[in-house]
Protein backbone atom coordinates (compact mmCIF):
# COMPACT_ATOMS: atom_id res chain seq x y z
CA MET A 1 0.08 0.02 0.14
CA ASN A 2 1.44 3.17 -0.67
CA THR A 3 1.15 6.14 2.03
CA GLU A 4 2.95 8.64 0.54
CA THR A 5 0.67 11.80 -0.27
CA SER A 6 1.71 15.19 -1.38
CA LYS A 7 0.08 18.67 -1.97
CA SER A 8 1.63 22.30 -3.21
CA THR A 9 1.17 25.76 -2.41
CA LEU A 10 2.23 28.70 -4.37
CA SER A 11 2.52 32.39 -3.61
CA ALA A 12 4.33 35.32 -5.69
CA ASN A 13 7.65 34.44 -4.42
CA GLN A 14 7.88 30.99 -2.76
CA TRP A 15 6.48 27.38 -3.60
CA GLN A 16 5.64 25.03 -0.53
CA SER A 17 5.32 21.13 -1.57
CA PHE A 18 4.66 18.96 1.40
CA PHE A 19 4.76 15.06 1.19
CA ASP A 20 3.64 12.90 3.99
CA VAL A 21 5.88 9.45 4.13
CA GLY A 22 4.73 7.27 7.18
CA ASP A 23 4.54 9.14 9.88
CA HIS A 24 6.66 11.67 8.41
CA THR A 25 6.18 15.29 6.84
CA ILE A 26 8.99 16.19 3.89
CA ARG A 27 8.16 19.50 3.22
CA PHE A 28 10.23 21.75 0.60
CA THR A 29 10.28 25.09 -0.02
CA ALA A 30 11.61 27.14 -2.51
CA SER A 31 12.06 31.10 -2.84
CA THR A 32 11.45 32.72 -6.54
CA LEU A 33 13.23 35.71 -4.95
CA SER A 34 16.49 34.54 -3.25
CA GLY A 35 16.86 31.11 -5.02
CA THR A 36 17.00 29.47 -1.48
CA GLU A 37 15.72 25.91 -1.55
CA ARG A 38 15.18 24.32 1.97
CA VAL A 39 14.27 20.44 3.20
CA TYR A 40 12.18 20.46 6.29
CA VAL A 41 11.57 16.80 8.07
CA ASP A 42 8.94 17.03 10.58
CA ASP A 43 9.56 21.34 10.87
CA GLN A 44 13.24 20.69 11.39
CA LEU A 45 15.91 21.89 8.53
CA VAL A 46 17.86 18.93 6.93
CA CYS A 47 18.91 20.76 4.07
CA GLN A 48 19.99 24.25 2.26
CA GLN A 49 21.16 25.53 -1.02
CA LEU A 50 21.00 28.69 -2.91
CA SER A 51 20.33 27.47 -6.70
CA TRP A 52 19.22 29.34 -9.83
CA LYS A 53 20.02 26.30 -11.62
CA LEU A 54 17.72 24.07 -14.09
CA TYR A 55 18.19 21.08 -11.73
CA SER A 56 19.12 20.66 -7.88
CA GLU A 57 19.45 17.81 -5.72
CA HIS A 58 19.09 17.81 -1.52
CA HIS A 59 20.04 14.12 0.21
CA PHE A 60 18.98 13.38 3.40
CA LYS A 61 18.44 10.69 5.67
CA LEU A 62 15.01 9.61 7.20
CA ASP A 63 15.03 6.74 9.96
CA SER A 64 18.33 5.91 8.29
CA VAL A 65 17.18 5.32 4.64
CA PRO A 66 18.76 7.63 2.08
CA TYR A 67 16.13 9.95 0.34
CA VAL A 68 16.55 12.55 -2.31
CA LEU A 69 14.69 15.44 -3.46
CA LYS A 70 15.11 16.41 -7.40
CA LEU A 71 13.86 19.69 -8.21
CA PHE A 72 14.26 19.99 -12.41
CA THR A 73 12.89 22.43 -15.15
CA ILE A 74 9.83 20.71 -17.21
CA SER A 75 9.21 24.20 -19.38
CA LEU A 76 10.98 27.46 -19.04
CA LEU A 77 8.56 29.00 -21.33
CA ASP A 78 5.91 27.92 -19.49
CA TYR A 79 7.21 28.16 -16.08
CA LYS A 80 7.05 24.16 -15.03
CA PHE A 81 8.63 22.51 -12.55
CA ARG A 82 9.01 19.38 -11.30
CA LEU A 83 9.77 17.79 -7.53
CA GLU A 84 10.47 14.38 -7.07
CA LEU A 85 10.72 12.26 -4.31
CA HIS A 86 13.13 9.30 -4.24
CA ARG A 87 13.89 6.85 -1.21
CA ALA A 88 16.53 4.29 -1.67
CA GLY A 89 16.80 5.26 -5.20
CA GLN A 90 13.26 4.74 -6.19
CA LEU A 91 10.76 7.46 -7.43
CA ILE A 92 8.19 7.20 -4.49
CA ASP A 93 6.30 10.77 -5.47
CA SER A 94 6.23 13.72 -7.64
CA ASP A 95 4.41 17.21 -7.35
CA ASP A 96 4.55 19.21 -10.61
CA ILE A 97 4.19 23.17 -10.35
CA ALA A 98 3.36 25.86 -12.99
CA TRP A 99 4.30 29.39 -12.06
CA GLY A 100 3.22 30.25 -15.28
CA ALA A 101 -0.58 29.89 -14.42
CA TYR A 102 0.43 32.12 -11.14
CA PHE A 103 1.66 35.31 -12.76
CA LYS A 104 -1.14 34.78 -15.68
CA LEU A 105 1.56 34.87 -18.12
CA SER A 106 0.61 32.89 -21.33
CA GLY A 107 3.10 30.54 -23.35
CA ALA A 108 2.31 32.65 -26.27
CA VAL A 109 3.32 35.80 -24.18
CA ALA A 110 6.71 34.28 -23.07
CA LYS A 111 7.82 33.31 -26.36
CA THR A 112 6.96 36.68 -28.43
CA PHE A 113 9.13 38.14 -25.38
CA LEU A 114 11.75 35.61 -25.66
CA PHE A 115 12.13 35.82 -29.73
CA GLY A 116 12.13 39.74 -29.13
CA ILE A 117 14.88 39.62 -27.24
CA LEU A 118 16.81 36.69 -29.61
CA GLY A 119 15.64 39.16 -32.77
CA GLY A 120 17.35 42.11 -30.94
CA LEU A 121 20.62 40.24 -30.16
CA VAL A 122 20.60 38.90 -33.66
CA ALA A 123 20.08 42.44 -35.13
CA GLY A 124 22.65 43.98 -32.77
CA TYR A 125 25.14 41.38 -33.68
CA PHE A 126 24.67 42.13 -37.81
CA VAL A 127 24.63 46.30 -37.05
CA ALA A 128 28.00 45.76 -34.90
CA ALA A 129 29.30 43.79 -37.59
CA THR A 130 29.05 45.68 -40.52
CA ARG A 131 30.56 49.07 -38.71
């Protein structure tokens, strides 16, 4: 029987995910402002790191069993991320979060913005190259 459950909450500057594993609660927080990621087990901080990467891992032990929380990017344009909880090398639960939905930024707007920046860089390169 799978006793793991999870849920996520999202605010303008912080993501929290909760995983219930047996009698324990694992909480992951990530700040969009500072890039700080923290892992708590039963409200005790067990791991903290600063990360602006597309992928990060947090290693800790619970009841002498190794666990890893893996955070990775699904889509930068849609601001989608996945958090996976692994116990002794096996995936036991995951949460997906889409910040784009919170910020009401559609994929089309993000793509237009990205292509505008890239177009400006290309145009700037050719203008500079011809001088």
